[in-house]
Amino acid sequence: MIRLFVTCDLARSAPVTFTDNQAHYLLHVMRVKAGEQIALFNGKDGEWLAKITEPHKHSISATCVSLSRPQEPTSCATLYFSPIKKEPLAFLIQKATELGVGQLCPVIMQRTVAPLPKAEKMYLQAIEAAEQSERLSVPTICPPITLKELLSAWPEHITLTYLNERAETDPKTSVSDSLLIGPEGGFAPEELALLSSLPFAQGLHLGRRILRAETAALVALTLWNQTNQWKK
């Protein structure tokens, strides 16, 4: 069944509005017809079945019919990451969304070399992943921040897990709801020294191999899911 993220309110008999891109997809790619049902979600009202009512050449309308799944609690997991190259970043956003991340936050570090990703593009990638993975929400995209700004404003009662291949913690150590991964090439020595000095920061290694940034993030998120019973 076709599944789309929409921004309008969803309730019984409520009309549904689609973006131009969604209308084009429904009309010219999927070729839906009047009476067909599709699944819709907006991140707050659960998942609804909606019936196509008036497909036209350039526009389409639908009406909500019934609630198929109630809304789930918002994910508490936040992934802080250094911007990486275009294709690995798209992969990271897609898989992090599938694994249940609630927020995606770019962090500028000493060894960050990739350009800052556009928030709108990351959001669209996250929407597509949420639609395909049957999530009922889309991760929030945070504005970029430097590592220094992030750490200086960090609430000390919240644990920050950062990936460090030189850390002494066992890979079985539980991952907190806040996860920080370094850039391609890893954290700079000064950054690691700062992180290791902070009482709220917990270093974590993932085994003997040196993993790519996007791979390490997904391994850590898998561990997070195991310890949090697959929160979404």
Protein backbone atom coordinates (compact mmCIF):
# COMPACT_ATOMS: atom_id res chain seq x y z
CA MET A 1 0.00 0.00 0.00
CA ILE A 2 1.17 3.53 -0.76
CA ARG A 3 2.31 5.32 2.40
CA LEU A 4 2.93 9.08 2.64
CA PHE A 5 3.90 11.67 5.22
CA VAL A 6 1.62 14.72 5.24
CA THR A 7 1.56 17.92 7.27
CA CYS A 8 -2.21 18.34 7.58
CA ASP A 9 -4.25 17.11 10.55
CA LEU A 10 -5.59 13.58 10.28
CA ALA A 11 -8.97 12.60 11.69
CA ARG A 12 -12.08 10.72 10.58
CA SER A 13 -13.63 12.33 7.47
CA ALA A 14 -10.91 15.03 7.42
CA PRO A 15 -9.82 16.23 3.95
CA VAL A 16 -6.20 15.59 3.01
CA THR A 17 -3.94 18.00 1.18
CA PHE A 18 -0.90 16.87 -0.81
CA THR A 19 2.18 18.71 -2.04
CA ASP A 20 2.72 19.12 -5.78
CA ASN A 21 5.38 16.40 -5.70
CA GLN A 22 3.08 14.01 -3.86
CA ALA A 23 0.24 14.73 -6.30
CA HIS A 24 2.56 14.01 -9.23
CA TYR A 25 3.72 10.78 -7.57
CA LEU A 26 0.18 9.58 -6.91
CA LEU A 27 -1.22 10.58 -10.30
CA HIS A 28 1.61 9.88 -12.73
CA VAL A 29 3.82 7.32 -11.00
CA MET A 30 1.38 5.21 -9.01
CA ARG A 31 -1.65 6.11 -11.20
CA VAL A 32 -4.13 5.92 -8.34
CA LYS A 33 -7.84 5.99 -9.06
CA ALA A 34 -10.91 7.18 -7.17
CA GLY A 35 -11.82 4.83 -4.34
CA GLU A 36 -8.29 3.49 -3.78
CA GLN A 37 -6.92 3.62 -0.23
CA ILE A 38 -3.52 4.86 0.88
CA ALA A 39 -1.85 5.11 4.30
CA LEU A 40 -0.99 8.53 5.75
CA PHE A 41 0.85 9.77 8.84
CA ASN A 42 1.89 13.19 10.13
CA GLY A 43 3.94 12.40 13.24
CA LYS A 44 1.19 13.22 15.73
CA ASP A 45 -2.17 11.68 14.79
CA GLY A 46 -1.13 8.08 14.11
CA GLU A 47 -1.51 6.29 10.78
CA TRP A 48 -4.76 6.68 8.86
CA LEU A 49 -6.27 4.97 5.88
CA ALA A 50 -7.50 7.55 3.40
CA LYS A 51 -9.63 7.13 0.28
CA ILE A 52 -8.80 8.89 -2.97
CA THR A 53 -11.83 10.98 -3.91
CA GLU A 54 -11.05 13.22 -6.87
CA PRO A 55 -8.01 12.52 -9.03
CA HIS A 56 -7.54 15.14 -11.75
CA LYS A 57 -4.77 15.78 -14.24
CA HIS A 58 -2.71 17.99 -11.95
CA SER A 59 -4.36 17.68 -8.53
CA ILE A 60 -5.76 15.03 -6.27
CA SER A 61 -7.75 14.88 -3.05
CA ALA A 62 -8.46 12.28 -0.39
CA THR A 63 -10.47 11.83 2.81
CA CYS A 64 -9.45 10.06 6.00
CA VAL A 65 -11.47 6.89 6.60
CA SER A 66 -10.13 5.08 9.69
CA LEU A 67 -7.23 5.00 12.14
CA SER A 68 -5.02 1.98 11.44
CA ARG A 69 -2.33 2.61 14.08
CA PRO A 70 -2.29 4.99 17.07
CA GLN A 71 0.59 7.42 17.43
CA GLU A 72 3.70 6.08 19.17
CA PRO A 73 5.83 7.99 21.70
CA THR A 74 8.44 10.27 20.15
CA SER A 75 11.92 8.75 20.00
CA CYS A 76 14.32 10.03 22.64
CA ALA A 77 17.47 9.17 20.65
CA THR A 78 19.59 11.97 19.22
CA LEU A 79 22.44 11.37 16.78
CA TYR A 80 25.13 14.06 16.76
CA PHE A 81 27.35 13.63 13.71
CA SER A 82 30.03 15.42 11.76
CA PRO A 83 28.95 16.15 8.18
CA ILE A 84 30.35 13.53 5.81
CA LYS A 85 30.32 13.14 2.05
CA LYS A 86 27.05 13.27 0.13
CA GLU A 87 26.32 9.59 -0.52
CA PRO A 88 27.45 8.25 2.89
CA LEU A 89 25.43 11.02 4.55
CA ALA A 90 22.28 10.05 2.63
CA PHE A 91 22.83 6.44 3.71
CA LEU A 92 23.36 7.53 7.32
CA ILE A 93 20.16 9.58 7.41
CA GLN A 94 18.13 6.80 5.84
CA LYS A 95 19.36 4.05 8.14
CA ALA A 96 19.32 6.20 11.29
CA THR A 97 15.69 7.01 10.55
CA GLU A 98 14.90 3.32 10.09
CA LEU A 99 16.61 2.57 13.41
CA GLY A 100 14.44 5.05 15.30
CA VAL A 101 16.46 8.23 15.80
CA GLY A 102 14.40 11.18 16.98
CA GLN A 103 16.83 13.98 16.13
CA LEU A 104 19.67 14.34 13.61
CA CYS A 105 22.15 17.05 14.58
CA PRO A 106 25.19 18.11 12.48
CA VAL A 107 28.22 19.04 14.60
CA ILE A 108 31.24 20.90 13.20
CA MET A 109 34.57 19.49 14.42
CA GLN A 110 38.26 20.13 13.72
CA ARG A 111 38.46 17.43 11.05
CA THR A 112 35.12 18.13 9.42
CA VAL A 113 35.84 18.57 5.71
CA ALA A 114 32.51 17.87 4.03
CA PRO A 115 30.22 20.86 3.34
CA LEU A 116 27.31 21.50 5.63
CA PRO A 117 24.29 19.48 4.50
CA LYS A 118 21.12 21.35 3.60
CA ALA A 119 18.50 20.83 6.28
CA GLU A 120 15.66 20.61 3.74
CA LYS A 121 17.40 17.87 1.79
CA MET A 122 18.15 15.86 4.93
CA TYR A 123 14.53 16.22 6.01
CA LEU A 124 13.24 14.93 2.67
CA GLN A 125 15.60 11.95 2.93
CA ALA A 126 14.33 11.25 6.43
CA ILE A 127 10.70 11.49 5.27
CA GLU A 128 11.31 8.95 2.52
CA ALA A 129 12.96 6.55 4.97
CA ALA A 130 10.11 6.97 7.46
CA GLU A 131 7.53 6.25 4.76
CA GLN A 132 9.31 3.08 3.68
CA SER A 133 10.10 1.78 7.17
CA GLU A 134 6.55 2.30 8.53
CA ARG A 135 7.64 4.77 11.18
CA LEU A 136 4.94 7.07 12.48
CA SER A 137 7.23 10.07 12.83
CA VAL A 138 10.08 11.83 11.03
CA PRO A 139 13.32 12.80 12.82
CA THR A 140 13.85 16.47 13.62
CA ILE A 141 16.78 18.08 11.76
CA CYS A 142 18.76 20.36 14.09
CA PRO A 143 20.71 23.43 12.94
CA PRO A 144 24.50 22.94 12.76
CA ILE A 145 26.53 23.57 15.90
CA THR A 146 30.23 23.39 16.77
CA LEU A 147 31.48 20.70 19.11
CA LYS A 148 32.63 23.36 21.57
CA GLU A 149 29.17 24.95 21.63
CA LEU A 150 27.52 21.57 22.07
CA LEU A 151 29.66 20.50 25.00
CA SER A 152 29.70 23.88 26.78
CA ALA A 153 25.88 23.92 26.92
CA TRP A 154 25.44 20.23 27.70
CA PRO A 155 23.29 19.39 30.79
CA GLU A 156 25.55 17.35 33.08
CA HIS A 157 22.79 14.99 34.22
CA ILE A 158 22.46 13.59 30.67
CA THR A 159 24.98 11.02 29.47
CA LEU A 160 26.62 11.60 26.09
CA THR A 161 28.04 8.47 24.44
CA TYR A 162 30.83 9.23 21.98
CA LEU A 163 32.48 6.67 19.73
CA ASN A 164 36.20 6.29 20.32
CA GLU A 165 38.13 3.35 18.91
CA ARG A 166 40.72 3.83 21.67
CA ALA A 167 38.21 3.81 24.52
CA GLU A 168 38.49 1.10 27.16
CA THR A 169 34.75 0.48 27.48
CA ASP A 170 33.44 -2.83 26.20
CA PRO A 171 31.23 -2.84 23.06
CA LYS A 172 28.50 -4.35 25.23
CA THR A 173 28.30 -1.13 27.26
CA SER A 174 24.83 0.36 26.90
CA VAL A 175 24.50 3.31 24.55
CA SER A 176 22.80 6.41 25.95
CA ASP A 177 20.00 8.28 24.18
CA SER A 178 22.57 10.86 23.01
CA LEU A 179 25.19 9.54 20.60
CA LEU A 180 28.12 11.48 19.13
CA ILE A 181 30.20 10.25 16.20
CA GLY A 182 33.32 11.91 14.85
CA PRO A 183 34.21 12.95 11.31
CA GLU A 184 36.02 10.99 8.66
CA GLY A 185 39.46 10.55 10.22
CA GLY A 186 38.10 10.57 13.74
CA PHE A 187 38.12 13.13 16.54
CA ALA A 188 41.18 15.35 16.85
CA PRO A 189 43.41 14.57 19.88
CA GLU A 190 42.31 17.80 21.58
CA GLU A 191 38.66 16.86 21.13
CA LEU A 192 39.21 13.40 22.59
CA ALA A 193 41.06 14.92 25.54
CA LEU A 194 38.17 17.29 26.17
CA LEU A 195 35.54 14.56 25.89
CA SER A 196 37.42 12.23 28.21
CA SER A 197 37.63 14.98 30.84
CA LEU A 198 33.88 15.57 30.98
CA PRO A 199 31.94 13.69 33.67
CA PHE A 200 28.87 13.26 31.50
CA ALA A 201 30.72 11.88 28.45
CA GLN A 202 31.09 8.12 28.01
CA GLY A 203 33.57 6.78 25.48
CA LEU A 204 32.66 3.63 23.58
CA HIS A 205 34.59 1.44 21.16
CA LEU A 206 32.95 -1.02 18.80
CA GLY A 207 35.61 -3.68 18.46
CA ARG A 208 39.03 -4.00 16.91
CA ARG A 209 38.19 -2.74 13.42
CA ILE A 210 38.20 0.92 12.40
CA LEU A 211 34.75 1.62 11.00
CA ARG A 212 33.62 4.33 8.62
CA ALA A 213 31.67 7.11 10.31
CA GLU A 214 28.31 6.02 8.89
CA THR A 215 28.97 2.35 9.72
CA ALA A 216 29.98 3.13 13.30
CA ALA A 217 26.86 5.22 13.83
CA LEU A 218 24.58 2.43 12.66
CA VAL A 219 26.33 -0.20 14.78
CA ALA A 220 25.96 2.04 17.83
CA LEU A 221 22.30 2.72 17.05
CA THR A 222 21.71 -1.01 16.78
CA LEU A 223 23.18 -1.39 20.27
CA TRP A 224 20.94 1.44 21.45
CA ASN A 225 17.92 -0.36 20.04
CA GLN A 226 18.86 -3.55 21.85
CA THR A 227 19.06 -1.79 25.19
CA ASN A 228 15.92 0.27 24.62
CA GLN A 229 13.67 -2.44 23.18
CA TRP A 230 13.50 -0.95 19.72
CA LYS A 231 12.14 2.48 20.58
CA LYS A 232 10.73 4.39 17.60
